[in-house]
Amino acid sequence: MTSRKTKITALLLCLVMCFASFSPAASALSCDGETVTVPTVENGESIFSGLTEVKSAADLKANTAKVFYNSLNRIAEGLVKMISAMIPAPKSWINKSEYDDSAILKGRETYATEAKEGNVWSLGYASRTLIPADFEAGKYYLGRDLTNRPAQGVYDDMRIRIAAIDDGSGEGITLIGAIDALGVNSTDVQAIRTGILKAFEGTGVKISGINIMSTHSHSALDTQGVSTEFFYKLFTAAYVNLFNVQKQDKLKNAEAFKQNFIEQSVIAATEAINAMEPGRLYFSEVDVSKYVRDKRGLIAKEDIPKVASMKFIPASGGASTYLTDFSCHPTSFSAGNGLVSSDYIYFLDKYIAEHDNGAHLVFFQGALGQLSRDGLEINTEGMSEWDAKGASSKAYGEAFGELILASDYSEELQPILNEKHATIWLYPTNSILLLACKINLVNQQVCRDGLKKCIPSETGYVEFGRRVGFAMFPGEFYPETFWGHEIIGDTTWDGTEWPYESLHNAIEGVDIYCVSLANDATGYVLTDDNFAFLGHIIGDGIADETLSAGKHQGSYQIGEFYKLIENLFK
């Protein structure tokens, strides 16, 4: 007897097939000498992409789900395009040829392979709170999802932490900072850069690079606009864009907060540069897999990549500074949380300061994907309600801090600093991103390239001591996109293979680590073969790819990074 579940699945498949048969988008293939019309999905791919040979009921179920999801993707994409077409484009959209990328600093002029005589590391650190002085419950929004979530209070803090670094070569200072935020868009990163450069105009201080990352805290105030008055923006977008209305009373607090975090970031960078002093820089690789897991269940604990940590010790004997590349979601607080928090980063920062003579921390995220906290049992028995709310973030912050401080920092890095950046152009095939830009949900610059729309962003590379490098990507990278497909085995959604090996040793003699959400926030970046837009049958989640610019962002961004580092040696 056929089960009820099987009947429902079969019915859904029939409905999908019916929809697909009436779709105007189609491709042709040859089958036993006859031409058969096959419906296509995004980028011309068939709704039957990635189907496997049916040897069991499980195979049939998986194939059915794939056809259903692929077809559902087409429906959703069509609906989004239809909504988007009804809204006029903002006046700020320009032609690609008009875009000025001068705020994307190109880095250093030469690629050094050895330290010059007299070179010495120098570093300055600064940190400032980004919580507005007039913070009141309900006045500002938390940045987590599309629902309006007014902040009800402050649990710990939300900060920018930034370091100014130089090798004494005369090529210029590099700034590496991170904001406690879900993400910071390119437009605001460039505003921060402009403010910093203006602050040192005419002083003789040379700045070769300004990098602003995000810690990706899901409990910080909304720096992007994605969680602030979504429906208000959606239903007023046509009027706002048509009549070029710049100010909206309902959004004045959000605009004031944006200006505040930009201004505070500029002040912090200025303080860091002014605090620079000579010292030595050391490197260590830290295994954090004990406290991290892949929520999809695709990456085994032993395959979770190690993270890079550098320690600067000033010659004066003052406080050290740690620059740490991590890969773990700061999601200790529940989705319904109403309190501002930088999550475990706050307690990690505090732990390092308390256990290493006031040491400082600049924390930035690596290849995140679905990597999250794991391995600690959190017992809140006997705690106050307030302490219980932050028990998980406190426990993981201290656990991560213990690992970082216990690591071996005996490897000293020569005073050699290299940095390069380049403009890249994202052509979204996922209309959700363009719709978000069209309704002013996010303030990304959009450009017209003929009939196509594109978004300018950047890729970058910063290297220390010809030994440790950081590949900087604007999106939220999945681990396998950077470290190679092998860490998730033969898993594939569309039946193709991911062609890139790990970037870790893409430059001989250098260990390279991924930095996500660097100088922009453009959504998830997966391997092309595991992108499925609205969902997939791999792992737990089924909707992550809706937050991506499209299926081929992985191969495009990796390809642009290879171009960048190839130019280093020319």
Protein backbone atom coordinates (compact mmCIF):
# COMPACT_ATOMS: atom_id res chain seq x y z
CA MET A 1 0.00 0.00 0.00
CA THR A 2 1.28 3.44 -0.91
CA SER A 3 1.86 5.62 2.15
CA ARG A 4 0.15 8.98 2.60
CA LYS A 5 3.55 10.71 2.58
CA THR A 6 4.46 9.08 -0.74
CA LYS A 7 1.13 10.16 -2.27
CA ILE A 8 1.68 13.75 -1.16
CA THR A 9 5.20 13.73 -2.57
CA ALA A 10 3.95 12.34 -5.87
CA LEU A 11 1.20 14.96 -6.04
CA LEU A 12 3.67 17.77 -5.41
CA LEU A 13 5.95 16.40 -8.11
CA CYS A 14 3.05 16.28 -10.56
CA LEU A 15 2.14 19.89 -9.79
CA VAL A 16 5.72 20.95 -10.30
CA MET A 17 5.91 19.11 -13.59
CA CYS A 18 2.69 20.75 -14.75
CA PHE A 19 4.05 24.19 -13.87
CA ALA A 20 7.34 23.46 -15.56
CA SER A 21 5.67 22.30 -18.77
CA PHE A 22 3.99 25.70 -19.22
CA SER A 23 7.13 27.69 -18.47
CA PRO A 24 8.52 29.88 -21.27
CA ALA A 25 12.10 29.09 -20.28
CA ALA A 26 13.29 25.83 -21.80
CA SER A 27 16.24 24.04 -23.32
CA ALA A 28 16.52 21.09 -25.65
CA LEU A 29 18.34 17.80 -25.36
CA SER A 30 18.53 14.66 -27.43
CA CYS A 31 16.99 11.47 -26.03
CA ASP A 32 17.05 8.29 -28.13
CA GLY A 33 17.22 10.30 -31.32
CA GLU A 34 14.36 12.62 -30.45
CA THR A 35 14.47 16.21 -29.21
CA VAL A 36 12.94 16.67 -25.79
CA THR A 37 12.15 20.06 -24.26
CA VAL A 38 13.40 20.37 -20.69
CA PRO A 39 12.46 23.28 -18.37
CA THR A 40 15.41 25.28 -17.07
CA VAL A 41 16.21 27.11 -13.90
CA GLU A 42 18.65 29.90 -13.03
CA ASN A 43 21.63 30.19 -15.36
CA GLY A 44 19.99 27.87 -17.87
CA GLU A 45 20.13 24.78 -15.70
CA SER A 46 17.54 22.05 -15.85
CA ILE A 47 15.16 21.41 -12.97
CA PHE A 48 16.48 17.86 -13.22
CA SER A 49 20.07 18.92 -12.48
CA GLY A 50 21.95 16.68 -10.09
CA LEU A 51 19.56 13.72 -10.15
CA THR A 52 21.17 10.41 -9.25
CA GLU A 53 20.44 6.87 -10.35
CA VAL A 54 17.48 5.50 -8.43
CA LYS A 55 18.48 2.38 -6.53
CA SER A 56 16.30 2.76 -3.48
CA ALA A 57 13.30 4.59 -2.06
CA ALA A 58 15.71 7.06 -0.48
CA ASP A 59 17.18 7.87 -3.91
CA LEU A 60 13.68 8.45 -5.30
CA LYS A 61 12.82 10.71 -2.38
CA ALA A 62 16.02 12.72 -2.83
CA ASN A 63 15.47 13.13 -6.59
CA THR A 64 11.85 14.12 -6.09
CA ALA A 65 12.85 16.74 -3.55
CA LYS A 66 15.47 18.14 -5.92
CA VAL A 67 13.01 18.54 -8.78
CA PHE A 68 10.51 20.12 -6.41
CA TYR A 69 13.04 22.57 -4.96
CA ASN A 70 14.49 23.47 -8.35
CA SER A 71 11.02 24.23 -9.67
CA LEU A 72 10.08 26.14 -6.52
CA ASN A 73 13.19 28.23 -7.08
CA ARG A 74 11.89 29.24 -10.50
CA ILE A 75 8.54 30.27 -9.08
CA ALA A 76 10.12 32.31 -6.30
CA GLU A 77 12.58 33.99 -8.66
CA GLY A 78 9.74 34.91 -11.00
CA LEU A 79 7.70 36.42 -8.19
CA VAL A 80 10.63 38.47 -6.92
CA LYS A 81 11.35 39.77 -10.42
CA MET A 82 7.70 40.71 -10.85
CA ILE A 83 7.66 42.67 -7.58
CA SER A 84 10.96 44.32 -8.44
CA ALA A 85 9.72 45.37 -11.88
CA MET A 86 6.87 47.32 -10.28
CA ILE A 87 9.28 49.55 -8.33
CA PRO A 88 11.24 52.31 -10.09
CA ALA A 89 14.99 52.24 -9.57
CA PRO A 90 16.53 54.70 -7.10
CA LYS A 91 18.08 57.83 -8.59
CA SER A 92 21.39 56.74 -7.06
CA TRP A 93 21.76 53.90 -9.56
CA ILE A 94 24.40 54.89 -12.10
CA ASN A 95 26.12 53.50 -15.17
CA LYS A 96 29.06 51.22 -14.47
CA SER A 97 31.40 53.61 -16.29
CA GLU A 98 30.48 56.39 -13.83
CA TYR A 99 31.46 54.46 -10.70
CA ASP A 100 34.36 55.97 -8.74
CA ASP A 101 36.33 53.25 -6.95
CA SER A 102 38.99 55.57 -5.50
CA ALA A 103 37.83 54.71 -1.95
CA ILE A 104 38.88 51.12 -2.58
CA LEU A 105 42.52 51.60 -1.65
CA LYS A 106 44.74 49.45 -3.83
CA GLY A 107 47.30 48.61 -1.15
CA ARG A 108 51.08 48.79 -1.41
CA GLU A 109 52.94 49.57 -4.60
CA THR A 110 55.49 46.75 -4.35
CA TYR A 111 55.42 43.15 -3.19
CA ALA A 112 58.27 42.71 -0.73
CA THR A 113 59.94 39.32 -0.35
CA GLU A 114 62.46 40.29 2.31
CA ALA A 115 62.76 42.84 5.10
CA LYS A 116 64.70 45.99 4.36
CA GLU A 117 67.48 47.07 6.70
CA GLY A 118 66.01 48.98 9.60
CA ASN A 119 62.49 47.62 9.14
CA VAL A 120 60.60 47.09 12.38
CA TRP A 121 57.00 46.31 13.22
CA SER A 122 54.90 49.01 14.84
CA LEU A 123 51.31 48.73 15.96
CA GLY A 124 48.69 50.90 17.60
CA TYR A 125 45.34 49.75 18.98
CA ALA A 126 42.06 51.47 19.79
CA SER A 127 38.51 50.44 20.61
CA ARG A 128 35.31 52.45 21.01
CA THR A 129 31.72 51.68 21.83
CA LEU A 130 29.22 52.09 19.00
CA ILE A 131 26.12 52.25 21.19
CA PRO A 132 24.63 55.74 20.77
CA ALA A 133 24.75 58.09 23.75
CA ASP A 134 20.99 58.61 23.43
CA PHE A 135 20.25 54.89 23.36
CA GLU A 136 16.73 54.19 24.58
CA ALA A 137 14.72 50.99 24.56
CA GLY A 138 12.77 50.73 21.31
CA LYS A 139 14.62 53.54 19.55
CA TYR A 140 17.08 51.39 17.60
CA TYR A 141 16.84 47.98 15.95
CA LEU A 142 18.84 44.79 16.32
CA GLY A 143 20.37 43.47 13.10
CA ARG A 144 19.39 39.83 12.70
CA ASP A 145 16.63 39.24 10.13
CA LEU A 146 13.86 41.00 8.21
CA THR A 147 11.61 41.40 11.24
CA ASN A 148 11.61 44.73 13.06
CA ARG A 149 13.26 43.96 16.38
CA PRO A 150 13.55 47.07 18.55
CA ALA A 151 16.44 46.81 21.00
CA GLN A 152 15.09 46.60 24.54
CA GLY A 153 18.37 47.22 26.34
CA VAL A 154 22.11 46.57 26.36
CA TYR A 155 23.51 43.30 27.69
CA ASP A 156 27.22 43.96 27.21
CA ASP A 157 28.54 46.20 24.44
CA MET A 158 28.95 46.74 20.72
CA ARG A 159 32.36 48.02 19.64
CA ILE A 160 34.85 48.64 16.91
CA ARG A 161 38.32 47.23 17.61
CA ILE A 162 41.06 48.34 15.26
CA ALA A 163 44.82 48.02 14.86
CA ALA A 164 47.16 50.18 12.78
CA ILE A 165 50.18 48.19 11.57
CA ASP A 166 53.36 49.10 9.69
CA ASP A 167 56.67 47.41 8.89
CA GLY A 168 58.72 50.58 8.67
CA SER A 169 59.32 50.23 4.93
CA GLY A 170 57.74 53.58 4.05
CA GLU A 171 54.99 51.90 2.00
CA GLY A 172 52.29 53.03 4.42
CA ILE A 173 50.13 51.96 7.36
CA THR A 174 47.59 49.18 7.13
CA LEU A 175 44.47 49.35 9.29
CA ILE A 176 42.68 46.17 10.31
CA GLY A 177 39.46 46.67 12.23
CA ALA A 178 36.30 44.79 13.03
CA ILE A 179 32.87 46.04 14.03
CA ASP A 180 30.51 44.04 16.23
CA ALA A 181 27.81 43.72 13.60
CA LEU A 182 26.04 41.25 11.35
CA GLY A 183 27.71 42.99 8.43
CA VAL A 184 28.82 46.40 7.20
CA ASN A 185 28.09 47.39 3.61
CA SER A 186 30.68 48.71 1.18
CA THR A 187 29.09 52.17 1.06
CA ASP A 188 29.63 52.63 4.80
CA VAL A 189 33.12 51.09 4.73
CA GLN A 190 34.05 53.65 2.10
CA ALA A 191 32.58 56.44 4.24
CA ILE A 192 34.80 55.29 7.12
CA ARG A 193 37.83 55.25 4.82
CA THR A 194 37.07 58.72 3.52
CA GLY A 195 36.81 60.04 7.09
CA ILE A 196 40.13 58.46 8.11
CA LEU A 197 41.99 59.77 5.06
CA LYS A 198 40.56 63.24 5.64
CA ALA A 199 41.67 63.15 9.30
CA PHE A 200 45.31 62.64 8.20
CA GLU A 201 45.24 64.86 5.15
CA GLY A 202 48.35 67.04 5.03
CA THR A 203 49.97 65.32 8.05
CA GLY A 204 52.49 63.26 6.09
CA VAL A 205 50.98 60.01 7.42
CA LYS A 206 50.77 57.49 4.58
CA ILE A 207 47.96 54.93 4.69
CA SER A 208 48.09 52.05 2.21
CA GLY A 209 45.06 50.07 3.33
CA ILE A 210 41.93 50.39 5.48
CA ASN A 211 40.11 47.13 6.18
CA ILE A 212 36.83 47.02 8.08
CA MET A 213 35.42 43.58 8.86
CA SER A 214 32.41 42.41 10.85
CA THR A 215 32.38 40.01 13.79
CA HIS A 216 28.97 38.82 12.51
CA SER A 217 27.27 39.15 15.89
CA HIS A 218 23.55 38.40 15.53
CA SER A 219 22.71 40.52 18.58
CA ALA A 220 24.30 43.85 17.63
CA LEU A 221 22.45 46.94 16.42
CA ASP A 222 21.49 46.98 12.75
CA THR A 223 24.36 48.48 10.73
CA GLN A 224 22.99 47.46 7.32
CA GLY A 225 19.31 48.39 7.42
CA VAL A 226 18.10 44.85 6.79
CA SER A 227 16.27 44.68 10.12
CA THR A 228 14.85 48.18 10.16
CA GLU A 229 11.29 48.82 8.94
CA PHE A 230 11.30 46.27 6.11
CA PHE A 231 7.63 46.59 5.20
CA TYR A 232 7.72 50.38 5.50
CA LYS A 233 10.61 50.47 3.04
CA LEU A 234 8.92 47.96 0.71
CA PHE A 235 5.64 49.86 0.45
CA THR A 236 7.17 53.35 0.23
CA ALA A 237 10.00 52.46 -2.15
CA ALA A 238 8.12 53.43 -5.33
CA TYR A 239 7.32 56.91 -3.96
CA VAL A 240 10.80 57.40 -2.48
CA ASN A 241 12.58 56.37 -5.68
CA LEU A 242 10.24 58.14 -8.07
CA PHE A 243 10.42 61.51 -6.30
CA ASN A 244 13.98 61.08 -4.99
CA VAL A 245 12.92 61.55 -1.37
CA GLN A 246 16.05 61.39 0.75
CA LYS A 247 14.78 61.74 4.30
CA GLN A 248 12.09 59.68 5.99
CA ASP A 249 11.10 60.56 9.56
CA LYS A 250 10.54 56.94 10.47
CA LEU A 251 14.14 56.14 9.59
CA LYS A 252 15.87 59.16 11.16
CA ASN A 253 17.09 57.17 14.18
CA ALA A 254 18.58 54.51 11.91
CA GLU A 255 20.33 57.20 9.88
CA ALA A 256 21.63 58.83 13.06
CA PHE A 257 22.99 55.49 14.28
CA LYS A 258 24.72 54.89 10.94
CA GLN A 259 26.45 58.26 11.13
CA ASN A 260 27.42 57.49 14.72
CA PHE A 261 29.14 54.18 13.99
CA ILE A 262 30.93 55.71 11.00
CA GLU A 263 32.17 58.65 13.10
CA GLN A 264 33.23 56.44 16.01
CA SER A 265 35.09 54.14 13.63
CA VAL A 266 37.00 57.10 12.21
CA ILE A 267 37.91 58.28 15.72
CA ALA A 268 39.06 54.77 16.70
CA ALA A 269 41.27 54.51 13.59
CA THR A 270 42.77 57.91 14.33
CA GLU A 271 43.52 56.89 17.92
CA ALA A 272 45.11 53.62 16.74
CA ILE A 273 47.45 55.39 14.33
CA ASN A 274 48.44 57.92 16.97
CA ALA A 275 49.15 55.10 19.44
CA MET A 276 51.58 53.18 17.21
CA GLU A 277 54.78 51.94 18.84
CA PRO A 278 57.53 49.50 17.80
CA GLY A 279 57.59 45.86 18.77
CA ARG A 280 57.70 42.27 17.56
CA LEU A 281 55.02 40.18 15.84
CA TYR A 282 54.47 36.46 16.41
CA PHE A 283 52.25 33.84 14.80
CA SER A 284 50.42 30.73 15.96
CA GLU A 285 47.80 28.41 14.50
CA VAL A 286 44.95 27.53 16.86
CA ASP A 287 42.77 24.43 16.75
CA VAL A 288 39.28 25.53 17.87
CA SER A 289 37.37 22.46 16.63
CA LYS A 290 36.80 21.33 20.22
CA TYR A 291 34.19 24.06 20.53
CA VAL A 292 32.94 24.33 16.93
CA ARG A 293 30.68 22.19 14.75
CA ASP A 294 29.15 22.34 11.29
CA LYS A 295 25.37 22.56 11.75
CA ARG A 296 24.85 20.82 8.41
CA GLY A 297 26.76 17.79 9.63
CA LEU A 298 28.90 17.84 6.48
CA ILE A 299 32.25 18.79 8.01
CA ALA A 300 33.62 16.45 10.66
CA LYS A 301 35.22 18.04 13.71
CA GLU A 302 38.66 16.83 12.70
CA ASP A 303 38.24 18.59 9.34
CA ILE A 304 37.26 21.99 10.74
CA PRO A 305 40.16 24.24 9.69
CA LYS A 306 42.49 25.77 12.25
CA VAL A 307 42.53 29.53 12.70
CA ALA A 308 45.36 32.06 12.55
CA SER A 309 46.34 34.19 15.52
CA MET A 310 49.06 36.84 15.64
CA LYS A 311 50.44 38.47 18.78
CA PHE A 312 52.15 41.84 18.82
CA ILE A 313 54.40 42.51 21.81
CA PRO A 314 55.47 46.16 22.10
CA ALA A 315 59.09 46.95 22.93
CA SER A 316 57.88 49.20 25.75
CA GLY A 317 56.55 46.21 27.67
CA GLY A 318 52.99 47.53 27.44
CA ALA A 319 49.85 45.60 26.58
CA SER A 320 50.09 43.05 23.75
CA THR A 321 47.60 42.93 20.88
CA TYR A 322 46.10 39.76 19.39
CA LEU A 323 44.78 39.68 15.83
CA THR A 324 42.71 36.55 15.48
CA ASP A 325 40.96 35.03 12.49
CA PHE A 326 38.08 32.85 13.71
CA SER A 327 35.27 30.78 12.22
CA CYS A 328 32.30 30.45 14.54
CA HIS A 329 28.89 32.11 14.48
CA PRO A 330 28.21 34.50 17.39
CA THR A 331 24.64 33.30 17.93
CA SER A 332 24.57 32.55 21.66
CA PHE A 333 21.46 34.67 22.18
CA SER A 334 18.13 33.35 20.95
CA ALA A 335 16.37 34.73 17.88
CA GLY A 336 13.84 36.45 20.12
CA ASN A 337 16.49 38.26 22.13
CA GLY A 338 15.96 41.99 22.53
CA LEU A 339 19.27 42.95 24.13
CA VAL A 340 22.30 44.44 22.38
CA SER A 341 25.34 42.20 22.66
CA SER A 342 28.53 41.42 20.78
CA ASP A 343 27.96 37.82 21.91
CA TYR A 344 31.00 35.70 22.85
CA ILE A 345 33.36 38.30 21.39
CA TYR A 346 32.72 40.57 24.39
CA PHE A 347 33.72 37.85 26.86
CA LEU A 348 36.63 36.72 24.67
CA ASP A 349 37.97 40.27 24.66
CA LYS A 350 37.47 40.54 28.42
CA TYR A 351 39.13 37.15 29.11
CA ILE A 352 42.24 38.02 27.08
CA ALA A 353 42.59 41.38 28.83
CA GLU A 354 42.18 39.84 32.28
CA HIS A 355 44.55 36.92 31.68
CA ASP A 356 47.32 38.65 29.70
CA ASN A 357 48.03 41.94 31.48
CA GLY A 358 45.38 44.04 29.73
CA ALA A 359 46.06 42.66 26.25
CA HIS A 360 43.95 43.89 23.33
CA LEU A 361 42.02 41.96 20.70
CA VAL A 362 41.04 42.46 17.07
CA PHE A 363 38.70 39.60 16.17
CA PHE A 364 37.50 38.87 12.63
CA GLN A 365 35.61 35.95 11.14
CA GLY A 366 37.01 33.35 8.77
CA ALA A 367 35.12 30.98 6.49
CA LEU A 368 31.88 30.72 8.45
CA GLY A 369 29.24 28.86 6.45
CA GLN A 370 27.24 27.04 9.11
CA LEU A 371 30.02 26.70 11.70
CA SER A 372 28.62 27.28 15.17
CA ARG A 373 29.32 26.71 18.86
CA ASP A 374 29.57 23.18 20.25
CA GLY A 375 31.13 21.12 23.03
CA LEU A 376 30.16 22.97 26.19
CA GLU A 377 27.31 22.12 28.52
CA ILE A 378 25.81 25.35 29.80
CA ASN A 379 24.34 25.01 33.27
CA THR A 380 22.30 28.06 34.30
CA GLU A 381 21.02 26.58 37.53
CA GLY A 382 21.31 29.07 40.37
CA MET A 383 22.03 31.97 38.02
CA SER A 384 19.99 35.14 37.94
CA GLU A 385 17.79 35.59 34.89
CA TRP A 386 20.22 38.24 33.63
CA ASP A 387 23.32 36.06 33.98
CA ALA A 388 21.53 33.09 32.43
CA LYS A 389 20.85 35.09 29.25
CA GLY A 390 24.56 35.49 28.60
CA ALA A 391 25.78 32.21 30.09
CA SER A 392 26.49 30.60 26.73
CA SER A 393 28.30 33.61 25.24
CA LYS A 394 30.38 33.93 28.42
CA ALA A 395 31.30 30.23 28.47
CA TYR A 396 32.37 30.16 24.81
CA GLY A 397 34.18 33.50 24.99
CA GLU A 398 36.27 32.24 27.88
CA ALA A 399 36.84 28.83 26.25
CA PHE A 400 38.04 30.43 23.01
CA GLY A 401 40.18 32.87 24.99
CA GLU A 402 41.85 30.04 26.84
CA LEU A 403 42.74 28.33 23.53
CA ILE A 404 44.17 31.52 22.04
CA LEU A 405 46.31 32.37 25.06
CA ALA A 406 47.55 28.80 25.48
CA SER A 407 48.78 28.66 21.87
CA ASP A 408 52.48 28.66 21.02
CA TYR A 409 53.59 32.10 19.78
CA SER A 410 57.25 31.23 19.38
CA GLU A 411 57.33 31.83 15.61
CA GLU A 412 58.42 35.42 15.01
CA LEU A 413 57.39 37.16 11.79
CA GLN A 414 59.88 39.29 9.87
CA PRO A 415 58.85 42.95 9.41
CA ILE A 416 57.48 42.45 5.89
CA LEU A 417 53.97 43.70 5.14
CA ASN A 418 52.27 43.21 1.78
CA GLU A 419 48.79 44.32 0.77
CA LYS A 420 46.76 44.45 -2.43
CA HIS A 421 43.10 45.17 -3.18
CA ALA A 422 41.05 45.20 -6.37
CA THR A 423 37.54 46.17 -7.40
CA ILE A 424 35.29 43.28 -8.38
CA TRP A 425 31.81 43.38 -9.92
CA LEU A 426 29.02 41.18 -8.64
CA TYR A 427 26.28 40.41 -11.17
CA PRO A 428 23.46 39.03 -9.00
CA THR A 429 21.48 36.17 -10.48
CA ASN A 430 19.43 36.10 -7.30
CA SER A 431 16.88 38.89 -7.68
CA ILE A 432 16.35 39.11 -3.92
CA LEU A 433 19.60 41.07 -3.53
CA LEU A 434 18.65 43.54 -6.25
CA LEU A 435 15.18 43.94 -4.75
CA ALA A 436 16.77 44.69 -1.37
CA CYS A 437 18.84 47.42 -3.03
CA LYS A 438 15.82 48.74 -4.94
CA ILE A 439 13.69 49.25 -1.84
CA ASN A 440 16.62 50.83 0.02
CA LEU A 441 16.78 47.93 2.47
CA VAL A 442 20.55 48.02 2.06
CA ASN A 443 22.53 50.92 0.67
CA GLN A 444 24.75 49.04 -1.74
CA GLN A 445 25.66 50.97 -4.87
CA VAL A 446 24.04 49.43 -7.94
CA CYS A 447 25.30 50.11 -11.45
CA ARG A 448 23.81 49.52 -14.89
CA ASP A 449 25.86 47.57 -17.41
CA GLY A 450 23.64 47.64 -20.46
CA LEU A 451 20.55 45.68 -19.51
CA LYS A 452 22.34 44.02 -16.61
CA LYS A 453 22.70 45.27 -13.04
CA CYS A 454 25.93 44.93 -11.09
CA ILE A 455 27.23 45.79 -7.64
CA PRO A 456 30.80 46.98 -7.09
CA SER A 457 32.72 45.33 -4.28
CA GLU A 458 36.30 44.29 -3.63
CA THR A 459 38.69 41.48 -2.91
CA GLY A 460 41.91 41.86 -0.98
CA TYR A 461 45.02 40.26 0.42
CA VAL A 462 47.14 41.25 3.43
CA GLU A 463 50.34 39.34 4.23
CA PHE A 464 52.67 39.39 7.23
CA GLY A 465 56.31 38.28 7.27
CA ARG A 466 56.03 36.41 3.96
CA ARG A 467 54.53 33.71 6.15
CA VAL A 468 50.89 34.47 7.03
CA GLY A 469 48.32 35.83 4.59
CA PHE A 470 44.66 36.81 4.86
CA ALA A 471 42.42 36.52 1.80
CA MET A 472 39.68 39.11 2.18
CA PHE A 473 36.29 38.43 0.66
CA PRO A 474 33.16 40.62 0.77
CA GLY A 475 30.75 37.74 1.34
CA GLU A 476 30.20 35.16 4.04
CA PHE A 477 32.32 32.27 2.79
CA TYR A 478 31.46 28.63 3.38
CA PRO A 479 34.51 26.66 4.61
CA GLU A 480 34.62 24.32 1.64
CA THR A 481 34.62 27.25 -0.80
CA PHE A 482 37.96 28.41 0.58
CA TRP A 483 39.49 25.21 1.97
CA GLY A 484 38.47 22.92 -0.88
CA HIS A 485 35.58 20.57 -1.45
CA GLU A 486 37.39 17.61 0.13
CA ILE A 487 36.34 18.60 3.66
CA ILE A 488 32.73 17.70 2.82
CA GLY A 489 33.52 14.65 0.73
CA ASP A 490 31.64 14.06 -2.52
CA THR A 491 28.56 16.04 -1.53
CA THR A 492 27.08 17.88 -4.51
CA TRP A 493 23.68 19.32 -5.31
CA ASP A 494 23.79 19.65 -9.08
CA GLY A 495 26.05 16.71 -9.90
CA THR A 496 29.06 18.82 -10.93
CA GLU A 497 32.39 19.16 -9.13
CA TRP A 498 33.96 22.15 -7.40
CA PRO A 499 37.19 22.73 -9.38
CA TYR A 500 39.25 24.69 -6.83
CA GLU A 501 41.59 23.18 -4.29
CA SER A 502 42.32 24.84 -0.97
CA LEU A 503 43.62 28.41 -1.16
CA HIS A 504 45.61 27.85 2.03
CA ASN A 505 48.91 27.47 0.15
CA ALA A 506 48.06 29.35 -3.05
CA ILE A 507 51.29 31.34 -2.55
CA GLU A 508 54.39 29.26 -1.96
CA GLY A 509 55.75 29.56 1.56
CA VAL A 510 52.68 31.40 2.89
CA ASP A 511 49.79 30.03 4.94
CA ILE A 512 46.68 31.87 3.78
CA TYR A 513 43.50 32.14 5.85
CA CYS A 514 40.04 33.27 4.81
CA VAL A 515 38.42 36.46 6.07
CA SER A 516 34.68 36.74 5.49
CA LEU A 517 32.66 39.97 5.43
CA ALA A 518 35.78 42.00 4.68
CA ASN A 519 35.08 45.57 3.54
CA ASP A 520 31.55 44.62 2.47
CA ALA A 521 28.66 42.25 3.20
CA THR A 522 27.25 40.61 0.08
CA GLY A 523 25.72 37.39 1.38
CA TYR A 524 26.63 33.70 1.40
CA VAL A 525 29.33 32.36 -0.90
CA LEU A 526 29.03 28.62 -1.52
CA THR A 527 30.68 26.22 -3.91
CA ASP A 528 28.77 26.44 -7.19
CA ASP A 529 27.81 22.76 -7.09
CA ASN A 530 26.03 23.06 -3.73
CA PHE A 531 24.00 26.19 -4.44
CA ALA A 532 20.26 25.63 -4.58
CA PHE A 533 18.75 29.08 -3.86
CA LEU A 534 15.64 28.32 -1.77
CA GLY A 535 16.96 25.19 -0.19
CA HIS A 536 18.50 21.76 -0.55
CA ILE A 537 18.22 18.33 0.96
CA ILE A 538 21.77 18.43 2.31
CA GLY A 539 22.00 18.94 6.06
CA ASP A 540 19.59 20.77 8.31
CA GLY A 541 18.95 24.15 6.69
CA ILE A 542 16.93 24.63 3.52
CA ALA A 543 16.98 28.38 2.90
CA ASP A 544 20.51 29.69 3.33
CA GLU A 545 21.17 30.41 -0.33
CA THR A 546 18.37 32.99 -0.51
CA LEU A 547 20.91 35.33 1.09
CA SER A 548 23.43 34.92 -1.72
CA ALA A 549 24.07 36.94 -4.86
CA GLY A 550 23.86 33.74 -6.88
CA LYS A 551 25.07 30.28 -7.76
CA HIS A 552 28.42 31.24 -9.27
CA GLN A 553 29.64 33.69 -6.64
CA GLY A 554 32.02 31.06 -5.27
CA SER A 555 33.89 30.44 -8.51
CA TYR A 556 33.78 34.14 -9.44
CA GLN A 557 35.22 35.42 -6.15
CA ILE A 558 37.85 32.69 -5.97
CA GLY A 559 38.80 33.44 -9.58
CA GLU A 560 39.12 37.17 -8.87
CA PHE A 561 41.30 36.44 -5.85
CA TYR A 562 43.62 34.32 -7.98
CA LYS A 563 43.93 37.23 -10.42
CA LEU A 564 44.83 39.51 -7.52
CA ILE A 565 47.62 37.35 -6.15
CA GLU A 566 48.94 36.54 -9.64
CA ASN A 567 49.46 40.27 -10.14
CA LEU A 568 51.57 40.43 -6.97
CA PHE A 569 54.52 38.92 -8.80
CA LYS A 570 54.33 41.12 -11.92
